[in-house]
PDB file of N, CA and C in Angstrom:
ATOM      1  N   UNK A   1    -101.086  38.498  -1.922  1.00  0.00           N
ATOM      2  CA  UNK A   1    -101.116  39.946  -2.086  1.00  0.00           C
ATOM      3  C   UNK A   1     -99.724  40.502  -1.869  1.00  0.00           C
ATOM      4  N   UNK A   2     -99.378  41.477  -2.673  1.00  0.00           N
ATOM      5  CA  UNK A   2     -98.069  42.102  -2.569  1.00  0.00           C
ATOM      6  C   UNK A   2     -98.178  43.403  -1.788  1.00  0.00           C
ATOM      7  N   UNK A   3     -97.134  43.732  -1.051  1.00  0.00           N
ATOM      8  CA  UNK A   3     -97.128  44.973  -0.284  1.00  0.00           C
ATOM      9  C   UNK A   3     -96.824  46.150  -1.195  1.00  0.00           C
ATOM     10  N   UNK A   4     -96.895  47.350  -0.620  1.00  0.00           N
ATOM     11  CA  UNK A   4     -96.583  48.558  -1.374  1.00  0.00           C
ATOM     12  C   UNK A   4     -95.118  48.574  -1.790  1.00  0.00           C
ATOM     13  N   UNK A   5     -94.293  47.795  -1.087  1.00  0.00           N
ATOM     14  CA  UNK A   5     -92.869  47.733  -1.403  1.00  0.00           C
ATOM     15  C   UNK A   5     -92.551  46.666  -2.450  1.00  0.00           C
ATOM     16  N   UNK A   6     -93.575  46.093  -3.066  1.00  0.00           N
ATOM     17  CA  UNK A   6     -93.368  45.021  -4.041  1.00  0.00           C
ATOM     18  C   UNK A   6     -92.457  45.497  -5.168  1.00  0.00           C
ATOM     19  N   UNK A   7     -91.629  44.607  -5.618  1.00  0.00           N
ATOM     20  CA  UNK A   7     -90.666  44.907  -6.669  1.00  0.00           C
ATOM     21  C   UNK A   7     -90.796  43.850  -7.758  1.00  0.00           C
ATOM     22  N   UNK A   8     -90.608  44.286  -8.997  1.00  0.00           N
ATOM     23  CA  UNK A   8     -90.571  43.346 -10.112  1.00  0.00           C
ATOM     24  C   UNK A   8     -89.138  43.265 -10.609  1.00  0.00           C
ATOM     25  N   UNK A   9     -88.626  42.056 -10.698  1.00  0.00           N
ATOM     26  CA  UNK A   9     -87.269  41.825 -11.188  1.00  0.00           C
ATOM     27  C   UNK A   9     -87.358  41.136 -12.540  1.00  0.00           C
ATOM     28  N   UNK A  10     -86.807  41.792 -13.547  1.00  0.00           N
ATOM     29  CA  UNK A  10     -86.773  41.202 -14.881  1.00  0.00           C
ATOM     30  C   UNK A  10     -85.620  40.214 -14.962  1.00  0.00           C
ATOM     31  N   UNK A  11     -85.901  39.054 -15.519  1.00  0.00           N
ATOM     32  CA  UNK A  11     -84.873  38.067 -15.823  1.00  0.00           C
ATOM     33  C   UNK A  11     -85.077  37.715 -17.292  1.00  0.00           C
ATOM     34  N   UNK A  12     -84.240  38.285 -18.164  1.00  0.00           N
ATOM     35  CA  UNK A  12     -84.369  38.072 -19.606  1.00  0.00           C
ATOM     36  C   UNK A  12     -83.305  37.080 -20.063  1.00  0.00           C
ATOM     37  N   UNK A  13     -83.759  36.040 -20.753  1.00  0.00           N
ATOM     38  CA  UNK A  13     -82.884  34.932 -21.116  1.00  0.00           C
ATOM     39  C   UNK A  13     -82.984  34.661 -22.610  1.00  0.00           C
ATOM     40  N   UNK A  14     -81.839  34.664 -23.269  1.00  0.00           N
ATOM     41  CA  UNK A  14     -81.772  34.306 -24.684  1.00  0.00           C
ATOM     42  C   UNK A  14     -81.378  32.850 -24.822  1.00  0.00           C
ATOM     43  N   UNK A  15     -82.127  32.105 -25.618  1.00  0.00           N
ATOM     44  CA  UNK A  15     -81.868  30.679 -25.797  1.00  0.00           C
ATOM     45  C   UNK A  15     -81.720  30.346 -27.277  1.00  0.00           C
ATOM     46  N   UNK A  16     -81.250  29.147 -27.527  1.00  0.00           N
ATOM     47  CA  UNK A  16     -81.211  28.579 -28.872  1.00  0.00           C
ATOM     48  C   UNK A  16     -81.964  27.252 -28.793  1.00  0.00           C
ATOM     49  N   UNK A  17     -83.266  27.313 -28.894  1.00  0.00           N
ATOM     50  CA  UNK A  17     -84.094  26.123 -28.693  1.00  0.00           C
ATOM     51  C   UNK A  17     -83.817  25.008 -29.696  1.00  0.00           C
ATOM     52  N   UNK A  18     -83.352  25.349 -30.874  1.00  0.00           N
ATOM     53  CA  UNK A  18     -83.130  24.327 -31.903  1.00  0.00           C
ATOM     54  C   UNK A  18     -81.703  23.792 -31.921  1.00  0.00           C
ATOM     55  N   UNK A  19     -80.880  24.208 -30.984  1.00  0.00           N
ATOM     56  CA  UNK A  19     -79.502  23.724 -30.888  1.00  0.00           C
ATOM     57  C   UNK A  19     -79.434  22.745 -29.727  1.00  0.00           C
ATOM     58  N   UNK A  20     -79.273  21.471 -30.028  1.00  0.00           N
ATOM     59  CA  UNK A  20     -79.400  20.419 -29.022  1.00  0.00           C
ATOM     60  C   UNK A  20     -78.420  20.573 -27.859  1.00  0.00           C
ATOM     61  N   UNK A  21     -77.189  21.033 -28.120  1.00  0.00           N
ATOM     62  CA  UNK A  21     -76.227  21.115 -27.018  1.00  0.00           C
ATOM     63  C   UNK A  21     -76.488  22.288 -26.078  1.00  0.00           C
ATOM     64  N   UNK A  22     -77.531  23.073 -26.326  1.00  0.00           N
ATOM     65  CA  UNK A  22     -77.897  24.142 -25.392  1.00  0.00           C
ATOM     66  C   UNK A  22     -79.262  23.891 -24.748  1.00  0.00           C
ATOM     67  N   UNK A  23     -79.881  22.769 -25.061  1.00  0.00           N
ATOM     68  CA  UNK A  23     -81.241  22.488 -24.570  1.00  0.00           C
ATOM     69  C   UNK A  23     -81.321  22.464 -23.046  1.00  0.00           C
ATOM     70  N   UNK A  24     -80.299  21.937 -22.382  1.00  0.00           N
ATOM     71  CA  UNK A  24     -80.358  21.852 -20.917  1.00  0.00           C
ATOM     72  C   UNK A  24     -80.267  23.214 -20.254  1.00  0.00           C
ATOM     73  N   UNK A  25     -79.694  24.187 -20.928  1.00  0.00           N
ATOM     74  CA  UNK A  25     -79.546  25.506 -20.338  1.00  0.00           C
ATOM     75  C   UNK A  25     -80.702  26.441 -20.599  1.00  0.00           C
ATOM     76  N   UNK A  26     -81.585  26.096 -21.494  1.00  0.00           N
ATOM     77  CA  UNK A  26     -82.683  26.996 -21.815  1.00  0.00           C
ATOM     78  C   UNK A  26     -84.012  26.289 -21.915  1.00  0.00           C
ATOM     79  N   UNK A  27     -84.155  25.516 -22.951  1.00  0.00           N
ATOM     80  CA  UNK A  27     -85.423  24.854 -23.248  1.00  0.00           C
ATOM     81  C   UNK A  27     -85.957  24.028 -22.078  1.00  0.00           C
ATOM     82  N   UNK A  28     -85.125  23.188 -21.500  1.00  0.00           N
ATOM     83  CA  UNK A  28     -85.583  22.349 -20.384  1.00  0.00           C
ATOM     84  C   UNK A  28     -85.899  23.169 -19.141  1.00  0.00           C
ATOM     85  N   UNK A  29     -85.068  24.171 -18.861  1.00  0.00           N
ATOM     86  CA  UNK A  29     -85.318  25.029 -17.695  1.00  0.00           C
ATOM     87  C   UNK A  29     -86.665  25.736 -17.843  1.00  0.00           C
ATOM     88  N   UNK A  30     -86.933  26.223 -19.053  1.00  0.00           N
ATOM     89  CA  UNK A  30     -88.204  26.917 -19.295  1.00  0.00           C
ATOM     90  C   UNK A  30     -89.384  25.952 -19.207  1.00  0.00           C
ATOM     91  N   UNK A  31     -89.308  24.842 -19.926  1.00  0.00           N
ATOM     92  CA  UNK A  31     -90.447  23.922 -20.000  1.00  0.00           C
ATOM     93  C   UNK A  31     -90.743  23.232 -18.668  1.00  0.00           C
ATOM     94  N   UNK A  32     -89.707  22.972 -17.874  1.00  0.00           N
ATOM     95  CA  UNK A  32     -89.911  22.354 -16.559  1.00  0.00           C
ATOM     96  C   UNK A  32     -90.173  23.389 -15.465  1.00  0.00           C
ATOM     97  N   UNK A  33     -90.181  24.682 -15.851  1.00  0.00           N
ATOM     98  CA  UNK A  33     -90.449  25.798 -14.932  1.00  0.00           C
ATOM     99  C   UNK A  33     -89.501  25.794 -13.726  1.00  0.00           C
ATOM    100  N   UNK A  34     -88.228  25.500 -14.009  1.00  0.00           N
ATOM    101  CA  UNK A  34     -87.244  25.405 -12.930  1.00  0.00           C
ATOM    102  C   UNK A  34     -86.923  26.759 -12.306  1.00  0.00           C
ATOM    103  N   UNK A  35     -86.971  27.840 -13.090  1.00  0.00           N
ATOM    104  CA  UNK A  35     -86.747  29.162 -12.489  1.00  0.00           C
ATOM    105  C   UNK A  35     -87.869  29.499 -11.517  1.00  0.00           C
ATOM    106  N   UNK A  36     -89.102  29.213 -11.899  1.00  0.00           N
ATOM    107  CA  UNK A  36     -90.232  29.456 -10.989  1.00  0.00           C
ATOM    108  C   UNK A  36     -90.027  28.703  -9.681  1.00  0.00           C
ATOM    109  N   UNK A  37     -89.482  27.513  -9.786  1.00  0.00           N
ATOM    110  CA  UNK A  37     -89.289  26.668  -8.609  1.00  0.00           C
ATOM    111  C   UNK A  37     -88.112  27.129  -7.748  1.00  0.00           C
ATOM    112  N   UNK A  38     -87.005  27.547  -8.377  1.00  0.00           N
ATOM    113  CA  UNK A  38     -85.779  27.778  -7.617  1.00  0.00           C
ATOM    114  C   UNK A  38     -85.403  29.235  -7.366  1.00  0.00           C
ATOM    115  N   UNK A  39     -86.041  30.191  -8.019  1.00  0.00           N
ATOM    116  CA  UNK A  39     -85.769  31.585  -7.668  1.00  0.00           C
ATOM    117  C   UNK A  39     -86.303  31.834  -6.261  1.00  0.00           C
ATOM    118  N   UNK A  40     -85.612  32.662  -5.467  1.00  0.00           N
ATOM    119  CA  UNK A  40     -86.051  32.868  -4.080  1.00  0.00           C
ATOM    120  C   UNK A  40     -87.404  33.587  -4.006  1.00  0.00           C
ATOM    121  N   UNK A  41     -88.222  33.140  -3.063  1.00  0.00           N
ATOM    122  CA  UNK A  41     -89.542  33.741  -2.841  1.00  0.00           C
ATOM    123  C   UNK A  41     -89.774  34.033  -1.356  1.00  0.00           C
ATOM    124  N   UNK A  42     -88.685  34.032  -0.577  1.00  0.00           N
ATOM    125  CA  UNK A  42     -88.821  34.314   0.852  1.00  0.00           C
ATOM    126  C   UNK A  42     -87.779  35.351   1.260  1.00  0.00           C
ATOM    127  N   UNK A  43     -87.776  35.706   2.536  1.00  0.00           N
ATOM    128  CA  UNK A  43     -86.828  36.710   3.020  1.00  0.00           C
ATOM    129  C   UNK A  43     -87.013  38.021   2.278  1.00  0.00           C
ATOM    130  N   UNK A  44     -85.919  38.618   1.825  1.00  0.00           N
ATOM    131  CA  UNK A  44     -86.017  39.905   1.131  1.00  0.00           C
ATOM    132  C   UNK A  44     -86.709  39.792  -0.229  1.00  0.00           C
ATOM    133  N   UNK A  45     -86.963  38.582  -0.694  1.00  0.00           N
ATOM    134  CA  UNK A  45     -87.645  38.363  -1.972  1.00  0.00           C
ATOM    135  C   UNK A  45     -89.124  37.989  -1.817  1.00  0.00           C
ATOM    136  N   UNK A  46     -89.651  38.069  -0.596  1.00  0.00           N
ATOM    137  CA  UNK A  46     -91.026  37.617  -0.368  1.00  0.00           C
ATOM    138  C   UNK A  46     -92.056  38.445  -1.127  1.00  0.00           C
ATOM    139  N   UNK A  47     -91.768  39.707  -1.414  1.00  0.00           N
ATOM    140  CA  UNK A  47     -92.707  40.557  -2.143  1.00  0.00           C
ATOM    141  C   UNK A  47     -92.294  40.789  -3.594  1.00  0.00           C
ATOM    142  N   UNK A  48     -91.319  40.025  -4.060  1.00  0.00           N
ATOM    143  CA  UNK A  48     -90.811  40.199  -5.418  1.00  0.00           C
ATOM    144  C   UNK A  48     -91.653  39.407  -6.412  1.00  0.00           C
ATOM    145  N   UNK A  49     -91.907  40.034  -7.539  1.00  0.00           N
ATOM    146  CA  UNK A  49     -92.512  39.352  -8.679  1.00  0.00           C
ATOM    147  C   UNK A  49     -91.432  39.253  -9.750  1.00  0.00           C
ATOM    148  N   UNK A  50     -91.246  38.069 -10.290  1.00  0.00           N
ATOM    149  CA  UNK A  50     -90.255  37.878 -11.347  1.00  0.00           C
ATOM    150  C   UNK A  50     -90.932  37.975 -12.710  1.00  0.00           C
ATOM    151  N   UNK A  51     -90.365  38.805 -13.558  1.00  0.00           N
ATOM    152  CA  UNK A  51     -90.811  38.920 -14.943  1.00  0.00           C
ATOM    153  C   UNK A  51     -89.795  38.147 -15.783  1.00  0.00           C
ATOM    154  N   UNK A  52     -90.054  36.865 -15.989  1.00  0.00           N
ATOM    155  CA  UNK A  52     -89.117  36.012 -16.721  1.00  0.00           C
ATOM    156  C   UNK A  52     -89.459  36.095 -18.201  1.00  0.00           C
ATOM    157  N   UNK A  53     -88.493  36.595 -18.978  1.00  0.00           N
ATOM    158  CA  UNK A  53     -88.685  36.776 -20.413  1.00  0.00           C
ATOM    159  C   UNK A  53     -87.758  35.824 -21.163  1.00  0.00           C
ATOM    160  N   UNK A  54     -88.323  34.993 -22.000  1.00  0.00           N
ATOM    161  CA  UNK A  54     -87.563  34.042 -22.817  1.00  0.00           C
ATOM    162  C   UNK A  54     -87.581  34.528 -24.258  1.00  0.00           C
ATOM    163  N   UNK A  55     -86.407  34.523 -24.892  1.00  0.00           N
ATOM    164  CA  UNK A  55     -86.321  34.929 -26.292  1.00  0.00           C
ATOM    165  C   UNK A  55     -85.464  33.908 -27.025  1.00  0.00           C
ATOM    166  N   UNK A  56     -85.992  33.334 -28.087  1.00  0.00           N
ATOM    167  CA  UNK A  56     -85.302  32.297 -28.840  1.00  0.00           C
ATOM    168  C   UNK A  56     -84.505  32.900 -30.001  1.00  0.00           C
ATOM    169  N   UNK A  57     -83.282  32.418 -30.183  1.00  0.00           N
ATOM    170  CA  UNK A  57     -82.411  32.849 -31.273  1.00  0.00           C
ATOM    171  C   UNK A  57     -81.922  31.628 -32.041  1.00  0.00           C
ATOM    172  N   UNK A  58     -81.487  31.845 -33.270  1.00  0.00           N
ATOM    173  CA  UNK A  58     -80.976  30.734 -34.074  1.00  0.00           C
ATOM    174  C   UNK A  58     -79.472  30.559 -33.952  1.00  0.00           C
ATOM    175  N   UNK A  59     -78.785  31.531 -33.354  1.00  0.00           N
ATOM    176  CA  UNK A  59     -77.332  31.417 -33.177  1.00  0.00           C
ATOM    177  C   UNK A  59     -76.900  32.246 -31.971  1.00  0.00           C
ATOM    178  N   UNK A  60     -75.633  32.098 -31.598  1.00  0.00           N
ATOM    179  CA  UNK A  60     -75.122  32.775 -30.415  1.00  0.00           C
ATOM    180  C   UNK A  60     -74.838  34.256 -30.590  1.00  0.00           C
ATOM    181  N   UNK A  61     -74.452  34.680 -31.799  1.00  0.00           N
ATOM    182  CA  UNK A  61     -74.062  36.082 -32.013  1.00  0.00           C
ATOM    183  C   UNK A  61     -75.169  37.076 -31.642  1.00  0.00           C
ATOM    184  N   UNK A  62     -76.421  36.864 -32.056  1.00  0.00           N
ATOM    185  CA  UNK A  62     -77.462  37.814 -31.659  1.00  0.00           C
ATOM    186  C   UNK A  62     -77.716  37.831 -30.149  1.00  0.00           C
ATOM    187  N   UNK A  63     -77.487  36.702 -29.501  1.00  0.00           N
ATOM    188  CA  UNK A  63     -77.627  36.660 -28.041  1.00  0.00           C
ATOM    189  C   UNK A  63     -76.589  37.579 -27.414  1.00  0.00           C
ATOM    190  N   UNK A  64     -75.350  37.474 -27.893  1.00  0.00           N
ATOM    191  CA  UNK A  64     -74.281  38.343 -27.395  1.00  0.00           C
ATOM    192  C   UNK A  64     -74.635  39.808 -27.609  1.00  0.00           C
ATOM    193  N   UNK A  65     -75.115  40.152 -28.800  1.00  0.00           N
ATOM    194  CA  UNK A  65     -75.484  41.545 -29.089  1.00  0.00           C
ATOM    195  C   UNK A  65     -76.551  42.054 -28.121  1.00  0.00           C
ATOM    196  N   UNK A  66     -77.544  41.224 -27.837  1.00  0.00           N
ATOM    197  CA  UNK A  66     -78.616  41.616 -26.910  1.00  0.00           C
ATOM    198  C   UNK A  66     -78.085  41.757 -25.479  1.00  0.00           C
ATOM    199  N   UNK A  67     -77.127  40.913 -25.102  1.00  0.00           N
ATOM    200  CA  UNK A  67     -76.533  41.032 -23.766  1.00  0.00           C
ATOM    201  C   UNK A  67     -75.750  42.334 -23.648  1.00  0.00           C
ATOM    202  N   UNK A  68     -74.928  42.624 -24.638  1.00  0.00           N
ATOM    203  CA  UNK A  68     -74.129  43.859 -24.618  1.00  0.00           C
ATOM    204  C   UNK A  68     -75.049  45.080 -24.542  1.00  0.00           C
ATOM    205  N   UNK A  69     -76.192  45.010 -25.218  1.00  0.00           N
ATOM    206  CA  UNK A  69     -77.153  46.123 -25.223  1.00  0.00           C
ATOM    207  C   UNK A  69     -77.980  46.190 -23.941  1.00  0.00           C
ATOM    208  N   UNK A  70     -77.777  45.229 -23.029  1.00  0.00           N
ATOM    209  CA  UNK A  70     -78.516  45.236 -21.771  1.00  0.00           C
ATOM    210  C   UNK A  70     -79.934  44.700 -21.885  1.00  0.00           C
ATOM    211  N   UNK A  71     -80.242  44.021 -22.990  1.00  0.00           N
ATOM    212  CA  UNK A  71     -81.590  43.492 -23.206  1.00  0.00           C
ATOM    213  C   UNK A  71     -81.751  42.068 -22.694  1.00  0.00           C
ATOM    214  N   UNK A  72     -80.636  41.384 -22.430  1.00  0.00           N
ATOM    215  CA  UNK A  72     -80.670  40.026 -21.885  1.00  0.00           C
ATOM    216  C   UNK A  72     -79.776  39.952 -20.660  1.00  0.00           C
ATOM    217  N   UNK A  73     -80.218  39.217 -19.662  1.00  0.00           N
ATOM    218  CA  UNK A  73     -79.419  38.995 -18.459  1.00  0.00           C
ATOM    219  C   UNK A  73     -78.608  37.708 -18.567  1.00  0.00           C
ATOM    220  N   UNK A  74     -79.148  36.741 -19.279  1.00  0.00           N
ATOM    221  CA  UNK A  74     -78.482  35.454 -19.479  1.00  0.00           C
ATOM    222  C   UNK A  74     -78.575  35.076 -20.945  1.00  0.00           C
ATOM    223  N   UNK A  75     -77.535  34.423 -21.436  1.00  0.00           N
ATOM    224  CA  UNK A  75     -77.546  33.907 -22.797  1.00  0.00           C
ATOM    225  C   UNK A  75     -77.105  32.459 -22.790  1.00  0.00           C
ATOM    226  N   UNK A  76     -77.881  31.618 -23.439  1.00  0.00           N
ATOM    227  CA  UNK A  76     -77.565  30.196 -23.514  1.00  0.00           C
ATOM    228  C   UNK A  76     -77.035  29.922 -24.911  1.00  0.00           C
ATOM    229  N   UNK A  77     -75.770  29.483 -24.972  1.00  0.00           N
ATOM    230  CA  UNK A  77     -75.154  29.213 -26.271  1.00  0.00           C
ATOM    231  C   UNK A  77     -74.087  28.144 -26.112  1.00  0.00           C
ATOM    232  N   UNK A  78     -73.647  27.609 -27.220  1.00  0.00           N
ATOM    233  CA  UNK A  78     -72.615  26.574 -27.206  1.00  0.00           C
ATOM    234  C   UNK A  78     -71.259  27.180 -26.849  1.00  0.00           C
ATOM    235  N   UNK A  79     -70.256  26.323 -26.695  1.00  0.00           N
ATOM    236  CA  UNK A  79     -68.946  26.780 -26.226  1.00  0.00           C
ATOM    237  C   UNK A  79     -68.254  27.748 -27.181  1.00  0.00           C
ATOM    238  N   UNK A  80     -68.300  27.504 -28.474  1.00  0.00           N
ATOM    239  CA  UNK A  80     -67.590  28.384 -29.413  1.00  0.00           C
ATOM    240  C   UNK A  80     -68.182  29.791 -29.423  1.00  0.00           C
ATOM    241  N   UNK A  81     -69.505  29.954 -29.601  1.00  0.00           N
ATOM    242  CA  UNK A  81     -70.061  31.307 -29.514  1.00  0.00           C
ATOM    243  C   UNK A  81     -69.878  31.913 -28.123  1.00  0.00           C
ATOM    244  N   UNK A  82     -69.831  31.045 -27.112  1.00  0.00           N
ATOM    245  CA  UNK A  82     -69.603  31.533 -25.756  1.00  0.00           C
ATOM    246  C   UNK A  82     -68.250  32.205 -25.601  1.00  0.00           C
ATOM    247  N   UNK A  83     -67.246  31.691 -26.305  1.00  0.00           N
ATOM    248  CA  UNK A  83     -65.915  32.311 -26.278  1.00  0.00           C
ATOM    249  C   UNK A  83     -65.974  33.709 -26.874  1.00  0.00           C
ATOM    250  N   UNK A  84     -66.665  33.843 -28.000  1.00  0.00           N
ATOM    251  CA  UNK A  84     -66.822  35.160 -28.607  1.00  0.00           C
ATOM    252  C   UNK A  84     -67.638  36.089 -27.715  1.00  0.00           C
ATOM    253  N   UNK A  85     -68.584  35.533 -26.986  1.00  0.00           N
ATOM    254  CA  UNK A  85     -69.380  36.316 -26.052  1.00  0.00           C
ATOM    255  C   UNK A  85     -68.474  36.972 -25.016  1.00  0.00           C
ATOM    256  N   UNK A  86     -67.554  36.191 -24.462  1.00  0.00           N
ATOM    257  CA  UNK A  86     -66.619  36.732 -23.474  1.00  0.00           C
ATOM    258  C   UNK A  86     -65.773  37.846 -24.046  1.00  0.00           C
ATOM    259  N   UNK A  87     -65.254  37.647 -25.251  1.00  0.00           N
ATOM    260  CA  UNK A  87     -64.433  38.675 -25.898  1.00  0.00           C
ATOM    261  C   UNK A  87     -65.241  39.939 -26.186  1.00  0.00           C
ATOM    262  N   UNK A  88     -66.468  39.776 -26.649  1.00  0.00           N
ATOM    263  CA  UNK A  88     -67.316  40.936 -26.945  1.00  0.00           C
ATOM    264  C   UNK A  88     -67.589  41.751 -25.686  1.00  0.00           C
ATOM    265  N   UNK A  89     -67.798  41.070 -24.568  1.00  0.00           N
ATOM    266  CA  UNK A  89     -68.023  41.782 -23.308  1.00  0.00           C
ATOM    267  C   UNK A  89     -66.768  42.538 -22.878  1.00  0.00           C
ATOM    268  N   UNK A  90     -65.614  41.910 -23.023  1.00  0.00           N
ATOM    269  CA  UNK A  90     -64.353  42.583 -22.675  1.00  0.00           C
ATOM    270  C   UNK A  90     -64.187  43.837 -23.526  1.00  0.00           C
ATOM    271  N   UNK A  91     -64.407  43.715 -24.840  1.00  0.00           N
ATOM    272  CA  UNK A  91     -64.272  44.868 -25.743  1.00  0.00           C
ATOM    273  C   UNK A  91     -65.238  45.989 -25.370  1.00  0.00           C
ATOM    274  N   UNK A  92     -66.411  45.623 -24.861  1.00  0.00           N
ATOM    275  CA  UNK A  92     -67.422  46.617 -24.485  1.00  0.00           C
ATOM    276  C   UNK A  92     -67.212  47.145 -23.065  1.00  0.00           C
ATOM    277  N   UNK A  93     -66.162  46.643 -22.386  1.00  0.00           N
ATOM    278  CA  UNK A  93     -65.905  47.083 -21.019  1.00  0.00           C
ATOM    279  C   UNK A  93     -66.893  46.520 -20.017  1.00  0.00           C
ATOM    280  N   UNK A  94     -67.464  45.370 -20.337  1.00  0.00           N
ATOM    281  CA  UNK A  94     -68.457  44.742 -19.463  1.00  0.00           C
ATOM    282  C   UNK A  94     -67.975  43.368 -19.045  1.00  0.00           C
ATOM    283  N   UNK A  95     -68.655  42.788 -18.075  1.00  0.00           N
ATOM    284  CA  UNK A  95     -68.311  41.451 -17.590  1.00  0.00           C
ATOM    285  C   UNK A  95     -69.296  40.422 -18.128  1.00  0.00           C
ATOM    286  N   UNK A  96     -68.770  39.236 -18.391  1.00  0.00           N
ATOM    287  CA  UNK A  96     -69.602  38.102 -18.783  1.00  0.00           C
ATOM    288  C   UNK A  96     -69.117  36.907 -17.982  1.00  0.00           C
ATOM    289  N   UNK A  97     -70.031  36.207 -17.368  1.00  0.00           N
ATOM    290  CA  UNK A  97     -69.690  35.028 -16.575  1.00  0.00           C
ATOM    291  C   UNK A  97     -70.085  33.793 -17.368  1.00  0.00           C
ATOM    292  N   UNK A  98     -69.131  32.902 -17.601  1.00  0.00           N
ATOM    293  CA  UNK A  98     -69.370  31.690 -18.384  1.00  0.00           C
ATOM    294  C   UNK A  98     -69.722  30.560 -17.435  1.00  0.00           C
ATOM    295  N   UNK A  99     -70.927  30.028 -17.572  1.00  0.00           N
ATOM    296  CA  UNK A  99     -71.402  28.935 -16.720  1.00  0.00           C
ATOM    297  C   UNK A  99     -71.632  27.724 -17.613  1.00  0.00           C
ATOM    298  N   UNK A 100     -71.102  26.577 -17.219  1.00  0.00           N
ATOM    299  CA  UNK A 100     -71.319  25.369 -18.017  1.00  0.00           C
ATOM    300  C   UNK A 100     -72.271  24.427 -17.301  1.00  0.00           C
ATOM    301  N   UNK A 101     -73.021  23.674 -18.091  1.00  0.00           N
ATOM    302  CA  UNK A 101     -73.924  22.663 -17.535  1.00  0.00           C
ATOM    303  C   UNK A 101     -73.661  21.334 -18.193  1.00  0.00           C
TER     304      UNK A 101
END
């Protein structure tokens, strides 16, 4: 049971399920339910419900567009589109953190 102070945190993730070099960053995490396992569920997060939203794309550019628009929190893409992602965020006056796996 959740308390009256319960909070829902959206975690929206754009993936490229059909691009093999991005499978470890999206497809496997989703299918193995690793976010469910490793997101915090104690301390200040004990009453939090996570709304994990997965959205599949065929290329990196639409993922970048959705991130800039605030519709995605994470984007999984290959290195080349990832470079453009960083530049697009800079042009939009926003930050993008590049994480490699």
